[in-house]
Protein backbone atom coordinates (compact mmCIF):
# COMPACT_ATOMS: atom_id res chain seq x y z
CA MET A 1 1.69 16.92 -16.60
CA LYS A 2 1.92 13.23 -16.79
CA PRO A 3 3.35 11.74 -14.09
CA GLU A 4 7.00 9.96 -14.29
CA ILE A 5 5.51 6.15 -14.06
CA LEU A 6 8.35 4.07 -12.05
CA GLN A 7 8.57 0.23 -12.06
CA THR A 8 9.56 -1.45 -8.89
CA PRO A 9 11.56 -4.86 -8.67
CA ILE A 10 7.89 -6.59 -8.36
CA LYS A 11 6.54 -7.21 -11.16
CA GLY A 12 3.02 -5.40 -11.05
CA LEU A 13 3.87 -3.19 -8.31
CA ILE A 14 4.46 0.49 -9.74
CA LEU A 15 5.43 3.94 -8.48
CA ILE A 16 3.61 7.05 -9.58
CA LYS A 17 5.55 10.19 -9.33
CA PRO A 18 3.12 13.08 -10.16
CA THR A 19 4.09 15.99 -11.69
CA VAL A 20 3.65 19.16 -9.25
CA PHE A 21 3.96 22.79 -9.05
CA ILE A 22 5.17 24.31 -6.62
CA ASP A 23 4.91 28.57 -5.93
CA GLU A 24 4.17 31.24 -3.18
CA ARG A 25 0.64 29.61 -2.90
CA GLY A 26 1.78 25.93 -2.11
CA TYR A 27 1.55 23.38 -4.59
CA PHE A 28 -0.66 21.50 -6.93
CA LEU A 29 -0.85 18.33 -8.39
CA GLU A 30 -3.49 15.94 -10.20
CA SER A 31 -3.58 13.05 -8.05
CA TYR A 32 -5.57 10.50 -9.99
CA ASN A 33 -5.93 10.54 -13.55
CA GLN A 34 -7.47 7.45 -15.30
CA GLU A 35 -6.22 8.23 -18.60
CA ASP A 36 -2.68 8.19 -17.57
CA LEU A 37 -3.13 5.08 -15.53
CA ASN A 38 -4.53 3.53 -18.49
CA GLU A 39 -1.17 4.38 -20.36
CA ALA A 40 1.03 2.70 -17.35
CA GLY A 41 -1.31 -0.44 -17.55
CA ILE A 42 -3.57 0.26 -14.74
CA ASN A 43 -6.81 -0.41 -15.89
CA ASP A 44 -8.41 -0.95 -12.71
CA LYS A 45 -12.03 0.99 -11.96
CA PHE A 46 -11.59 2.01 -8.32
CA VAL A 47 -14.81 1.96 -6.61
CA GLN A 48 -13.95 3.09 -3.17
CA ASP A 49 -11.78 6.05 -1.25
CA ASN A 50 -10.26 4.94 2.51
CA MET A 51 -8.28 7.49 4.58
CA SER A 52 -6.91 6.79 8.19
CA MET A 53 -4.76 9.29 10.28
CA SER A 54 -2.06 7.86 12.98
CA LYS A 55 -0.01 8.98 15.14
CA LYS A 56 3.63 8.13 15.03
CA GLY A 57 4.75 4.52 15.05
CA THR A 58 1.13 3.05 14.21
CA LEU A 59 1.42 -0.16 12.06
CA ARG A 60 -1.66 -1.34 10.09
CA GLY A 61 -1.00 -4.47 8.22
CA LEU A 62 -0.38 -6.88 6.46
CA HIS A 63 -3.84 -6.80 5.14
CA PHE A 64 -5.65 -7.89 1.63
CA GLN A 65 -8.99 -9.31 0.53
CA LYS A 66 -9.52 -12.76 -0.85
CA PRO A 67 -11.02 -13.56 -4.16
CA PRO A 68 -13.20 -12.68 -5.51
CA TYR A 69 -13.61 -9.87 -3.46
CA ALA A 70 -9.84 -8.89 -3.69
CA GLN A 71 -8.34 -5.38 -3.98
CA SER A 72 -6.05 -3.35 -5.98
CA LYS A 73 -5.18 -0.11 -4.09
CA LEU A 74 -3.39 3.42 -5.14
CA ILE A 75 -1.90 4.47 -2.50
CA SER A 76 -1.00 8.40 -1.23
CA VAL A 77 -0.04 10.01 1.58
CA ILE A 78 -1.38 13.32 2.61
CA SER A 79 0.61 14.61 5.32
CA GLY A 80 3.30 12.94 7.47
CA ILE A 81 5.23 10.24 6.32
CA VAL A 82 4.55 6.43 5.96
CA LEU A 83 7.08 3.54 5.20
CA ASP A 84 5.02 1.37 2.97
CA ILE A 85 5.23 -2.16 2.66
CA VAL A 86 3.85 -4.68 0.19
CA VAL A 87 4.51 -8.57 0.16
CA ASP A 88 3.85 -10.74 -2.95
CA ILE A 89 1.31 -13.19 -2.15
CA ARG A 90 0.94 -14.18 -6.03
CA LYS A 91 1.59 -18.55 -5.53
CA SER A 92 2.97 -18.46 -8.85
CA SER A 93 4.90 -15.43 -8.78
CA PRO A 94 8.81 -15.85 -8.59
CA THR A 95 9.08 -12.90 -5.94
CA TYR A 96 6.19 -14.82 -3.90
CA GLY A 97 6.96 -13.62 0.08
CA LYS A 98 8.91 -11.06 -1.00
CA TYR A 99 8.88 -7.64 -0.02
CA PHE A 100 8.86 -3.87 -1.32
CA SER A 101 8.99 -1.13 0.43
CA VAL A 102 9.06 3.08 -0.01
CA GLU A 103 8.72 6.05 1.80
CA LEU A 104 5.57 7.97 0.71
CA SER A 105 4.84 11.03 2.40
CA GLY A 106 2.50 14.74 2.15
CA THR A 107 5.83 16.57 1.05
CA ASN A 108 7.64 13.55 -1.72
CA PHE A 109 3.85 13.25 -3.45
CA MET A 110 4.97 9.45 -4.36
CA GLN A 111 1.85 6.74 -4.95
CA ILE A 112 2.22 3.11 -4.80
CA TYR A 113 -0.15 0.89 -7.14
CA VAL A 114 -0.89 -2.53 -5.23
CA PRO A 115 -2.35 -5.15 -7.41
CA LYS A 116 -4.47 -7.75 -6.34
CA GLY A 117 -2.56 -10.49 -5.05
CA PHE A 118 -0.35 -8.34 -2.48
CA ALA A 119 -0.83 -8.14 1.37
CA HIS A 120 -0.28 -4.78 2.17
CA GLY A 121 1.00 -2.56 5.29
CA PHE A 122 2.86 0.75 6.40
CA ILE A 123 4.01 2.26 10.16
CA THR A 124 3.78 5.99 10.46
CA LEU A 125 7.01 7.43 10.81
CA GLU A 126 5.43 11.13 12.36
CA ASP A 127 2.15 12.23 14.48
CA ASN A 128 -1.38 12.64 12.38
CA THR A 129 -0.04 11.17 9.25
CA VAL A 130 -3.32 10.90 6.77
CA LEU A 131 -3.05 7.97 4.58
CA SER A 132 -5.43 8.15 1.46
CA TYR A 133 -6.13 5.12 -0.99
CA LYS A 134 -8.48 3.91 -3.61
CA CYS A 135 -9.53 0.20 -4.10
CA SER A 136 -11.27 -1.45 -6.81
CA ASP A 137 -13.61 -3.40 -4.55
CA TYR A 138 -15.72 -3.02 -2.11
CA TYR A 139 -14.39 -4.10 1.75
CA HIS A 140 -15.90 -7.46 2.07
CA LYS A 141 -15.75 -8.49 5.91
CA GLU A 142 -15.29 -11.96 5.18
CA SER A 143 -13.02 -11.84 2.84
CA GLU A 144 -10.30 -10.05 4.81
CA GLY A 145 -7.08 -11.30 5.63
CA GLY A 146 -3.27 -10.30 6.76
CA LEU A 147 0.08 -11.66 7.46
CA ILE A 148 1.40 -11.02 11.28
CA TRP A 149 3.75 -7.95 10.98
CA ASN A 150 6.84 -9.47 12.23
CA ASP A 151 6.91 -12.67 11.02
CA PRO A 152 10.68 -13.91 10.35
CA ALA A 153 9.90 -15.27 7.32
CA LEU A 154 9.54 -12.08 5.67
CA SER A 155 12.18 -9.83 7.65
CA ILE A 156 10.85 -6.83 6.93
CA PRO A 157 12.53 -3.81 9.11
CA TRP A 158 10.09 -1.67 9.94
CA GLY A 159 12.43 0.19 12.37
CA SER A 160 9.90 -0.35 15.58
CA ASP A 161 10.07 -3.25 17.32
CA GLN A 162 6.77 -1.95 19.58
CA PRO A 163 4.36 -0.78 17.41
CA VAL A 164 0.99 0.26 18.09
CA LEU A 165 -1.19 -2.11 16.28
CA SER A 166 -4.56 -3.17 16.15
CA GLU A 167 -6.32 -6.44 17.68
CA LYS A 168 -6.72 -8.35 14.73
CA ASP A 169 -3.38 -7.00 12.97
CA LYS A 170 -1.25 -8.49 16.60
CA ASN A 171 -3.38 -12.27 15.28
CA PHE A 172 -2.44 -12.39 11.69
CA ILE A 173 -0.92 -15.26 10.45
CA SER A 174 3.01 -16.33 9.46
CA ILE A 175 3.32 -16.45 5.52
CA GLU A 176 4.35 -20.20 6.09
CA GLN A 177 1.18 -20.96 7.54
CA PHE A 178 -0.82 -19.02 4.86
CA LYS A 179 -2.62 -20.97 1.88
CA SER A 180 -2.77 -17.96 -0.54
CA PRO A 181 -5.96 -18.57 -2.94
CA PHE A 182 -3.95 -15.99 -5.73
């Protein structure tokens, strides 16, 4: 019943493919097991769960919290589909400014572990998409930050040039303007 742990091209960023049992009743999976995460090298203690529901074409991100309130996240989609994007903002990392993308859905059951030092965002590909994530620290408004979603220096292929955005997400800065605290 152990999940499959998949390394990504960006060190520290991990995909988790849980074992899913499907039968005529539906499905069952273990969505969180601290022991399995520890065996995969994920030692965060998660203290807060967040959930969002969004209509198709909604883009949320690219968000992070600055130290000392930085957050690692364990992200999964309950229903619907997202294109999940993670940008490395660790200034000493050889992959600084590089992004990783993966499709997460309520039918592929994939999870992504995003450690501290990354900006995270997603765009919904279906109406009523529900995304859930665990955080290793509590939300701290004064520590929140973000990168602008359409930064030409990042060249992220979101699949839409007219996403639904919050005012906050429309006004983030470029990676060139960003001074990383990580």
